[in-house]
Amino acid sequence: MTSERLDLLSPYPPLECAARLTAAIDLDRFLSLSAAFGSKPIIGKVDESSLQLRKRIGYRNSFQTHFTGTMRAEGRGARIMGTFGPHPATRIFLFFALGFVGLFEIVTLASLFYEGFSNRDSAFLILVPLGLMGMMYAIFRFGRFLARHEAQFIADFLRRTLNPT
Protein backbone atom coordinates (compact mmCIF):
# COMPACT_ATOMS: atom_id res chain seq x y z
CA MET A 1 0.00 0.00 0.00
CA THR A 2 2.14 2.85 -1.22
CA SER A 3 1.09 6.40 -0.55
CA GLU A 4 1.46 9.35 -2.87
CA ARG A 5 2.88 12.51 -1.34
CA LEU A 6 1.97 16.16 -1.82
CA ASP A 7 4.14 19.18 -0.98
CA LEU A 8 2.41 22.48 -1.70
CA LEU A 9 3.56 26.01 -0.93
CA SER A 10 0.80 28.61 -0.55
CA PRO A 11 1.30 32.37 -0.39
CA TYR A 12 -1.30 32.53 2.39
CA PRO A 13 -0.40 32.02 6.07
CA PRO A 14 -1.72 28.87 7.79
CA LEU A 15 -4.66 30.64 9.43
CA GLU A 16 -5.83 32.03 6.06
CA CYS A 17 -5.30 28.63 4.41
CA ALA A 18 -7.40 26.97 7.11
CA ALA A 19 -10.15 29.57 6.67
CA ARG A 20 -10.17 29.16 2.86
CA LEU A 21 -10.27 25.37 3.08
CA THR A 22 -12.96 25.35 5.78
CA ALA A 23 -15.14 27.57 3.61
CA ALA A 24 -14.65 25.28 0.60
CA ILE A 25 -15.42 21.91 2.25
CA ASP A 26 -18.20 20.21 4.15
CA LEU A 27 -17.03 19.38 7.65
CA ASP A 28 -16.62 15.70 8.46
CA ARG A 29 -17.74 15.20 12.05
CA PHE A 30 -19.36 12.32 13.85
CA LEU A 31 -23.05 12.27 12.84
CA SER A 32 -22.56 15.37 10.70
CA LEU A 33 -25.43 16.21 8.39
CA SER A 34 -23.19 18.37 6.19
CA ALA A 35 -20.98 15.36 5.48
CA ALA A 36 -24.00 13.21 4.64
CA PHE A 37 -26.14 15.76 2.79
CA GLY A 38 -23.77 18.59 1.87
CA SER A 39 -23.09 19.78 -1.64
CA LYS A 40 -19.38 20.60 -1.62
CA PRO A 41 -17.08 18.24 -3.52
CA ILE A 42 -14.67 17.72 -0.61
CA ILE A 43 -15.37 16.52 2.94
CA GLY A 44 -12.87 16.87 5.75
CA LYS A 45 -11.41 18.49 8.83
CA VAL A 46 -9.03 21.44 8.76
CA ASP A 47 -7.24 23.58 11.32
CA GLU A 48 -4.14 25.76 11.08
CA SER A 49 -1.77 22.83 11.64
CA SER A 50 -3.42 19.76 10.10
CA LEU A 51 -5.95 18.64 7.53
CA GLN A 52 -7.81 15.49 6.51
CA LEU A 53 -9.69 15.56 3.22
CA ARG A 54 -11.58 13.12 1.01
CA LYS A 55 -13.67 13.43 -2.13
CA ARG A 56 -17.46 13.27 -1.78
CA ILE A 57 -18.77 10.13 -3.45
CA GLY A 58 -22.31 8.82 -3.67
CA TYR A 59 -21.50 5.35 -2.38
CA ARG A 60 -19.51 3.66 0.39
CA ASN A 61 -15.87 2.81 -0.34
CA SER A 62 -13.70 1.91 2.64
CA PHE A 63 -10.67 2.06 0.34
CA GLN A 64 -11.37 5.64 -0.72
CA THR A 65 -8.40 7.99 -1.02
CA HIS A 66 -7.88 10.28 1.96
CA PHE A 67 -5.39 13.14 2.16
CA THR A 68 -3.79 13.48 5.58
CA GLY A 69 -1.40 16.36 5.97
CA THR A 70 0.17 19.07 8.03
CA MET A 71 0.34 22.79 7.52
CA ARG A 72 3.11 25.02 8.85
CA ALA A 73 4.23 28.58 8.34
CA GLU A 74 7.02 29.08 5.85
CA GLY A 75 8.11 32.60 5.09
CA ARG A 76 4.97 34.67 4.52
CA GLY A 77 2.97 31.63 3.41
CA ALA A 78 2.32 28.07 4.41
CA ARG A 79 3.69 24.70 3.41
CA ILE A 80 1.17 21.88 3.16
CA MET A 81 2.68 18.40 3.20
CA GLY A 82 0.86 15.11 3.35
CA THR A 83 0.05 11.75 1.86
CA PHE A 84 -2.79 10.20 -0.12
CA GLY A 85 -4.00 6.70 0.60
CA PRO A 86 -6.68 4.61 2.25
CA HIS A 87 -7.87 5.70 5.69
CA PRO A 88 -5.42 4.61 8.43
CA ALA A 89 -8.11 2.46 10.09
CA THR A 90 -8.52 0.55 6.82
CA ARG A 91 -4.79 -0.11 6.66
CA ILE A 92 -4.74 -1.35 10.25
CA PHE A 93 -7.76 -3.61 9.67
CA LEU A 94 -6.19 -5.14 6.55
CA PHE A 95 -2.89 -5.71 8.34
CA PHE A 96 -4.55 -7.60 11.19
CA ALA A 97 -7.04 -9.47 8.97
CA LEU A 98 -4.37 -10.69 6.57
CA GLY A 99 -2.07 -11.45 9.50
CA PHE A 100 -4.74 -13.53 11.21
CA VAL A 101 -5.56 -15.51 8.06
CA GLY A 102 -1.85 -15.94 7.31
CA LEU A 103 -1.18 -17.18 10.85
CA PHE A 104 -4.11 -19.60 10.54
CA GLU A 105 -2.64 -20.90 7.28
CA ILE A 106 0.82 -21.38 8.83
CA VAL A 107 -0.57 -23.23 11.85
CA THR A 108 -2.74 -25.40 9.58
CA LEU A 109 0.18 -26.27 7.31
CA ALA A 110 2.41 -27.08 10.28
CA SER A 111 -0.28 -29.30 11.77
CA LEU A 112 -0.87 -31.09 8.47
CA PHE A 113 2.85 -31.69 7.95
CA TYR A 114 3.15 -33.03 11.48
CA GLU A 115 0.10 -35.28 11.30
CA GLY A 116 0.24 -36.03 7.61
CA PHE A 117 -2.17 -35.26 4.79
CA SER A 118 -4.22 -38.36 5.41
CA ASN A 119 -7.78 -37.10 5.16
CA ARG A 120 -9.77 -35.46 2.37
CA ASP A 121 -10.18 -32.21 4.33
CA SER A 122 -6.48 -31.38 4.00
CA ALA A 123 -6.92 -29.62 0.66
CA PHE A 124 -9.89 -27.71 2.04
CA LEU A 125 -7.85 -26.53 5.06
CA ILE A 126 -5.09 -25.32 2.77
CA LEU A 127 -7.13 -23.74 -0.01
CA VAL A 128 -9.82 -21.88 1.96
CA PRO A 129 -7.45 -19.45 3.75
CA LEU A 130 -5.54 -18.87 0.50
CA GLY A 131 -8.83 -18.15 -1.26
CA LEU A 132 -9.83 -15.80 1.53
CA MET A 133 -6.56 -13.90 1.22
CA GLY A 134 -7.06 -13.72 -2.56
CA MET A 135 -10.59 -12.36 -2.13
CA MET A 136 -9.39 -9.76 0.39
CA TYR A 137 -6.73 -8.64 -2.07
CA ALA A 138 -9.26 -8.51 -4.94
CA ILE A 139 -11.68 -6.41 -2.88
CA PHE A 140 -8.84 -4.06 -1.91
CA ARG A 141 -7.72 -3.68 -5.55
CA PHE A 142 -11.31 -3.05 -6.72
CA GLY A 143 -11.84 -0.38 -4.02
CA ARG A 144 -8.57 1.30 -4.97
CA PHE A 145 -9.56 1.08 -8.65
CA LEU A 146 -12.77 2.99 -7.88
CA ALA A 147 -10.67 5.65 -6.10
CA ARG A 148 -7.98 5.88 -8.79
CA HIS A 149 -8.57 9.56 -9.68
CA GLU A 150 -9.32 10.90 -6.20
CA ALA A 151 -5.73 11.85 -5.27
CA GLN A 152 -5.47 14.10 -8.34
CA PHE A 153 -8.91 15.56 -7.63
CA ILE A 154 -7.94 16.49 -4.05
CA ALA A 155 -4.53 17.83 -5.11
CA ASP A 156 -6.17 20.04 -7.77
CA PHE A 157 -8.71 21.24 -5.18
CA LEU A 158 -5.90 22.23 -2.81
CA ARG A 159 -3.98 24.06 -5.55
CA ARG A 160 -7.10 25.98 -6.68
CA THR A 161 -8.12 26.89 -3.13
CA LEU A 162 -4.71 27.86 -1.80
CA ASN A 163 -3.03 29.52 -4.77
CA PRO A 164 -4.15 32.90 -6.18
CA THR A 165 -4.81 33.08 -9.91
C-alpha atoms as a PDB file:
ATOM      1  CA  MET A   1       0.000   0.000   0.000  1.00  0.00           C
ATOM      2  CA  THR A   2       2.138   2.851  -1.224  1.00  0.00           C
ATOM      3  CA  SER A   3       1.088   6.402  -0.553  1.00  0.00           C
ATOM      4  CA  GLU A   4       1.456   9.346  -2.869  1.00  0.00           C
ATOM      5  CA  ARG A   5       2.880  12.508  -1.344  1.00  0.00           C
ATOM      6  CA  LEU A   6       1.972  16.163  -1.824  1.00  0.00           C
ATOM      7  CA  ASP A   7       4.139  19.176  -0.984  1.00  0.00           C
ATOM      8  CA  LEU A   8       2.409  22.485  -1.702  1.00  0.00           C
ATOM      9  CA  LEU A   9       3.561  26.015  -0.933  1.00  0.00           C
ATOM     10  CA  SER A  10       0.804  28.609  -0.547  1.00  0.00           C
ATOM     11  CA  PRO A  11       1.303  32.370  -0.388  1.00  0.00           C
ATOM     12  CA  TYR A  12      -1.303  32.528   2.393  1.00  0.00           C
ATOM     13  CA  PRO A  13      -0.403  32.024   6.066  1.00  0.00           C
ATOM     14  CA  PRO A  14      -1.717  28.875   7.794  1.00  0.00           C
ATOM     15  CA  LEU A  15      -4.659  30.640   9.433  1.00  0.00           C
ATOM     16  CA  GLU A  16      -5.829  32.032   6.063  1.00  0.00           C
ATOM     17  CA  CYS A  17      -5.300  28.625   4.406  1.00  0.00           C
ATOM     18  CA  ALA A  18      -7.403  26.973   7.106  1.00  0.00           C
ATOM     19  CA  ALA A  19     -10.150  29.569   6.667  1.00  0.00           C
ATOM     20  CA  ARG A  20     -10.169  29.156   2.861  1.00  0.00           C
ATOM     21  CA  LEU A  21     -10.269  25.373   3.082  1.00  0.00           C
ATOM     22  CA  THR A  22     -12.963  25.349   5.780  1.00  0.00           C
ATOM     23  CA  ALA A  23     -15.139  27.567   3.608  1.00  0.00           C
ATOM     24  CA  ALA A  24     -14.653  25.283   0.597  1.00  0.00           C
ATOM     25  CA  ILE A  25     -15.416  21.914   2.248  1.00  0.00           C
ATOM     26  CA  ASP A  26     -18.203  20.215   4.147  1.00  0.00           C
ATOM     27  CA  LEU A  27     -17.033  19.379   7.647  1.00  0.00           C
ATOM     28  CA  ASP A  28     -16.620  15.703   8.464  1.00  0.00           C
ATOM     29  CA  ARG A  29     -17.742  15.202  12.045  1.00  0.00           C
ATOM     30  CA  PHE A  30     -19.356  12.322  13.854  1.00  0.00           C
ATOM     31  CA  LEU A  31     -23.049  12.267  12.842  1.00  0.00           C
ATOM     32  CA  SER A  32     -22.556  15.372  10.702  1.00  0.00           C
ATOM     33  CA  LEU A  33     -25.434  16.210   8.391  1.00  0.00           C
ATOM     34  CA  SER A  34     -23.194  18.373   6.194  1.00  0.00           C
ATOM     35  CA  ALA A  35     -20.983  15.356   5.480  1.00  0.00           C
ATOM     36  CA  ALA A  36     -24.002  13.212   4.637  1.00  0.00           C
ATOM     37  CA  PHE A  37     -26.140  15.764   2.793  1.00  0.00           C
ATOM     38  CA  GLY A  38     -23.766  18.594   1.870  1.00  0.00           C
ATOM     39  CA  SER A  39     -23.089  19.784  -1.639  1.00  0.00           C
ATOM     40  CA  LYS A  40     -19.376  20.603  -1.623  1.00  0.00           C
ATOM     41  CA  PRO A  41     -17.076  18.240  -3.515  1.00  0.00           C
ATOM     42  CA  ILE A  42     -14.667  17.722  -0.607  1.00  0.00           C
ATOM     43  CA  ILE A  43     -15.373  16.520   2.936  1.00  0.00           C
ATOM     44  CA  GLY A  44     -12.871  16.875   5.750  1.00  0.00           C
ATOM     45  CA  LYS A  45     -11.407  18.489   8.830  1.00  0.00           C
ATOM     46  CA  VAL A  46      -9.033  21.443   8.762  1.00  0.00           C
ATOM     47  CA  ASP A  47      -7.244  23.583  11.319  1.00  0.00           C
ATOM     48  CA  GLU A  48      -4.136  25.760  11.084  1.00  0.00           C
ATOM     49  CA  SER A  49      -1.772  22.832  11.644  1.00  0.00           C
ATOM     50  CA  SER A  50      -3.419  19.760  10.096  1.00  0.00           C
ATOM     51  CA  LEU A  51      -5.948  18.643   7.526  1.00  0.00           C
ATOM     52  CA  GLN A  52      -7.807  15.493   6.509  1.00  0.00           C
ATOM     53  CA  LEU A  53      -9.685  15.555   3.216  1.00  0.00           C
ATOM     54  CA  ARG A  54     -11.582  13.121   1.009  1.00  0.00           C
ATOM     55  CA  LYS A  55     -13.675  13.430  -2.134  1.00  0.00           C
ATOM     56  CA  ARG A  56     -17.457  13.273  -1.777  1.00  0.00           C
ATOM     57  CA  ILE A  57     -18.769  10.131  -3.452  1.00  0.00           C
ATOM     58  CA  GLY A  58     -22.311   8.820  -3.675  1.00  0.00           C
ATOM     59  CA  TYR A  59     -21.504   5.350  -2.377  1.00  0.00           C
ATOM     60  CA  ARG A  60     -19.512   3.665   0.390  1.00  0.00           C
ATOM     61  CA  ASN A  61     -15.873   2.810  -0.341  1.00  0.00           C
ATOM     62  CA  SER A  62     -13.702   1.906   2.639  1.00  0.00           C
ATOM     63  CA  PHE A  63     -10.671   2.056   0.340  1.00  0.00           C
ATOM     64  CA  GLN A  64     -11.370   5.642  -0.720  1.00  0.00           C
ATOM     65  CA  THR A  65      -8.398   7.987  -1.022  1.00  0.00           C
ATOM     66  CA  HIS A  66      -7.875  10.279   1.958  1.00  0.00           C
ATOM     67  CA  PHE A  67      -5.392  13.138   2.161  1.00  0.00           C
ATOM     68  CA  THR A  68      -3.790  13.477   5.582  1.00  0.00           C
ATOM     69  CA  GLY A  69      -1.402  16.359   5.966  1.00  0.00           C
ATOM     70  CA  THR A  70       0.171  19.069   8.034  1.00  0.00           C
ATOM     71  CA  MET A  71       0.341  22.793   7.518  1.00  0.00           C
ATOM     72  CA  ARG A  72       3.111  25.023   8.847  1.00  0.00           C
ATOM     73  CA  ALA A  73       4.233  28.580   8.343  1.00  0.00           C
ATOM     74  CA  GLU A  74       7.023  29.081   5.854  1.00  0.00           C
ATOM     75  CA  GLY A  75       8.110  32.601   5.086  1.00  0.00           C
ATOM     76  CA  ARG A  76       4.969  34.670   4.524  1.00  0.00           C
ATOM     77  CA  GLY A  77       2.969  31.632   3.415  1.00  0.00           C
ATOM     78  CA  ALA A  78       2.316  28.069   4.412  1.00  0.00           C
ATOM     79  CA  ARG A  79       3.694  24.697   3.413  1.00  0.00           C
ATOM     80  CA  ILE A  80       1.167  21.883   3.161  1.00  0.00           C
ATOM     81  CA  MET A  81       2.680  18.397   3.203  1.00  0.00           C
ATOM     82  CA  GLY A  82       0.864  15.109   3.352  1.00  0.00           C
ATOM     83  CA  THR A  83       0.046  11.746   1.863  1.00  0.00           C
ATOM     84  CA  PHE A  84      -2.786  10.201  -0.117  1.00  0.00           C
ATOM     85  CA  GLY A  85      -4.004   6.697   0.599  1.00  0.00           C
ATOM     86  CA  PRO A  86      -6.683   4.607   2.246  1.00  0.00           C
ATOM     87  CA  HIS A  87      -7.871   5.697   5.690  1.00  0.00           C
ATOM     88  CA  PRO A  88      -5.424   4.609   8.428  1.00  0.00           C
ATOM     89  CA  ALA A  89      -8.109   2.458  10.093  1.00  0.00           C
ATOM     90  CA  THR A  90      -8.523   0.550   6.819  1.00  0.00           C
ATOM     91  CA  ARG A  91      -4.787  -0.111   6.656  1.00  0.00           C
ATOM     92  CA  ILE A  92      -4.741  -1.351  10.254  1.00  0.00           C
ATOM     93  CA  PHE A  93      -7.757  -3.612   9.669  1.00  0.00           C
ATOM     94  CA  LEU A  94      -6.186  -5.141   6.552  1.00  0.00           C
ATOM     95  CA  PHE A  95      -2.891  -5.712   8.342  1.00  0.00           C
ATOM     96  CA  PHE A  96      -4.555  -7.603  11.187  1.00  0.00           C
ATOM     97  CA  ALA A  97      -7.041  -9.465   8.974  1.00  0.00           C
ATOM     98  CA  LEU A  98      -4.368 -10.685   6.572  1.00  0.00           C
ATOM     99  CA  GLY A  99      -2.067 -11.446   9.500  1.00  0.00           C
ATOM    100  CA  PHE A 100      -4.741 -13.534  11.210  1.00  0.00           C
ATOM    101  CA  VAL A 101      -5.563 -15.505   8.062  1.00  0.00           C
ATOM    102  CA  GLY A 102      -1.850 -15.943   7.313  1.00  0.00           C
ATOM    103  CA  LEU A 103      -1.180 -17.184  10.845  1.00  0.00           C
ATOM    104  CA  PHE A 104      -4.110 -19.599  10.543  1.00  0.00           C
ATOM    105  CA  GLU A 105      -2.638 -20.901   7.283  1.00  0.00           C
ATOM    106  CA  ILE A 106       0.824 -21.375   8.826  1.00  0.00           C
ATOM    107  CA  VAL A 107      -0.569 -23.234  11.847  1.00  0.00           C
ATOM    108  CA  THR A 108      -2.744 -25.396   9.584  1.00  0.00           C
ATOM    109  CA  LEU A 109       0.177 -26.272   7.314  1.00  0.00           C
ATOM    110  CA  ALA A 110       2.410 -27.082  10.277  1.00  0.00           C
ATOM    111  CA  SER A 111      -0.284 -29.304  11.770  1.00  0.00           C
ATOM    112  CA  LEU A 112      -0.870 -31.095   8.470  1.00  0.00           C
ATOM    113  CA  PHE A 113       2.850 -31.689   7.949  1.00  0.00           C
ATOM    114  CA  TYR A 114       3.152 -33.028  11.479  1.00  0.00           C
ATOM    115  CA  GLU A 115       0.101 -35.285  11.302  1.00  0.00           C
ATOM    116  CA  GLY A 116       0.239 -36.034   7.609  1.00  0.00           C
ATOM    117  CA  PHE A 117      -2.174 -35.257   4.789  1.00  0.00           C
ATOM    118  CA  SER A 118      -4.217 -38.362   5.406  1.00  0.00           C
ATOM    119  CA  ASN A 119      -7.785 -37.102   5.161  1.00  0.00           C
ATOM    120  CA  ARG A 120      -9.771 -35.456   2.375  1.00  0.00           C
ATOM    121  CA  ASP A 121     -10.178 -32.212   4.328  1.00  0.00           C
ATOM    122  CA  SER A 122      -6.484 -31.383   4.000  1.00  0.00           C
ATOM    123  CA  ALA A 123      -6.923 -29.619   0.659  1.00  0.00           C
ATOM    124  CA  PHE A 124      -9.893 -27.711   2.040  1.00  0.00           C
ATOM    125  CA  LEU A 125      -7.854 -26.525   5.059  1.00  0.00           C
ATOM    126  CA  ILE A 126      -5.086 -25.322   2.766  1.00  0.00           C
ATOM    127  CA  LEU A 127      -7.133 -23.741  -0.008  1.00  0.00           C
ATOM    128  CA  VAL A 128      -9.824 -21.878   1.957  1.00  0.00           C
ATOM    129  CA  PRO A 129      -7.453 -19.447   3.746  1.00  0.00           C
ATOM    130  CA  LEU A 130      -5.539 -18.871   0.501  1.00  0.00           C
ATOM    131  CA  GLY A 131      -8.827 -18.154  -1.262  1.00  0.00           C
ATOM    132  CA  LEU A 132      -9.835 -15.798   1.533  1.00  0.00           C
ATOM    133  CA  MET A 133      -6.558 -13.903   1.217  1.00  0.00           C
ATOM    134  CA  GLY A 134      -7.060 -13.723  -2.560  1.00  0.00           C
ATOM    135  CA  MET A 135     -10.589 -12.361  -2.125  1.00  0.00           C
ATOM    136  CA  MET A 136      -9.390  -9.759   0.391  1.00  0.00           C
ATOM    137  CA  TYR A 137      -6.732  -8.639  -2.074  1.00  0.00           C
ATOM    138  CA  ALA A 138      -9.261  -8.506  -4.945  1.00  0.00           C
ATOM    139  CA  ILE A 139     -11.677  -6.410  -2.879  1.00  0.00           C
ATOM    140  CA  PHE A 140      -8.841  -4.064  -1.911  1.00  0.00           C
ATOM    141  CA  ARG A 141      -7.722  -3.681  -5.555  1.00  0.00           C
ATOM    142  CA  PHE A 142     -11.306  -3.048  -6.717  1.00  0.00           C
ATOM    143  CA  GLY A 143     -11.839  -0.383  -4.020  1.00  0.00           C
ATOM    144  CA  ARG A 144      -8.567   1.303  -4.966  1.00  0.00           C
ATOM    145  CA  PHE A 145      -9.562   1.076  -8.652  1.00  0.00           C
ATOM    146  CA  LEU A 146     -12.766   2.989  -7.875  1.00  0.00           C
ATOM    147  CA  ALA A 147     -10.667   5.645  -6.097  1.00  0.00           C
ATOM    148  CA  ARG A 148      -7.978   5.882  -8.788  1.00  0.00           C
ATOM    149  CA  HIS A 149      -8.568   9.564  -9.684  1.00  0.00           C
ATOM    150  CA  GLU A 150      -9.316  10.903  -6.203  1.00  0.00           C
ATOM    151  CA  ALA A 151      -5.732  11.853  -5.272  1.00  0.00           C
ATOM    152  CA  GLN A 152      -5.470  14.097  -8.338  1.00  0.00           C
ATOM    153  CA  PHE A 153      -8.909  15.563  -7.628  1.00  0.00           C
ATOM    154  CA  ILE A 154      -7.939  16.490  -4.046  1.00  0.00           C
ATOM    155  CA  ALA A 155      -4.532  17.832  -5.115  1.00  0.00           C
ATOM    156  CA  ASP A 156      -6.169  20.041  -7.773  1.00  0.00           C
ATOM    157  CA  PHE A 157      -8.708  21.237  -5.182  1.00  0.00           C
ATOM    158  CA  LEU A 158      -5.897  22.233  -2.806  1.00  0.00           C
ATOM    159  CA  ARG A 159      -3.985  24.055  -5.555  1.00  0.00           C
ATOM    160  CA  ARG A 160      -7.103  25.976  -6.678  1.00  0.00           C
ATOM    161  CA  THR A 161      -8.124  26.890  -3.135  1.00  0.00           C
ATOM    162  CA  LEU A 162      -4.708  27.861  -1.803  1.00  0.00           C
ATOM    163  CA  ASN A 163      -3.028  29.525  -4.765  1.00  0.00           C
ATOM    164  CA  PRO A 164      -4.150  32.896  -6.180  1.00  0.00           C
ATOM    165  CA  THR A 165      -4.813  33.079  -9.912  1.00  0.00           C
END
